């Protein structure tokens, strides 16, 4: 049974609340980096659509527009999020909807395997 965040919070332990808080902070930072990257590639992406639609399929070229620092930070953030999602399941948050929705994206396996 999936539990909403509104139903979960009143009964959550301090540790569970801290995991959710940390996930929210990391998700916000991940979103900032991705928005910045998307703004960088937007002109190239639009140009590629006009000039050569085949280029769109080769997103690898666009990845070079992200700095090494941005790529490294994004990797660190996603590793921390993976750890937190695993921790969330470990401390009894498996039924929480938000954990169910994103667990597989960050951990790389189905939450049902837990």
Foldseek 3Di string as FASTA:
>chain_A
DADEPVRAVVVDDPVLVVLVVLLVVLVVVLVVLVVVLCVQCVVVLVVCVVPPVVVNVVCVVSVVSRDPVSVVSNVVSLQVNLVSLVVCVVVPNLRYPVSQVCNCVRVVDHSVVD
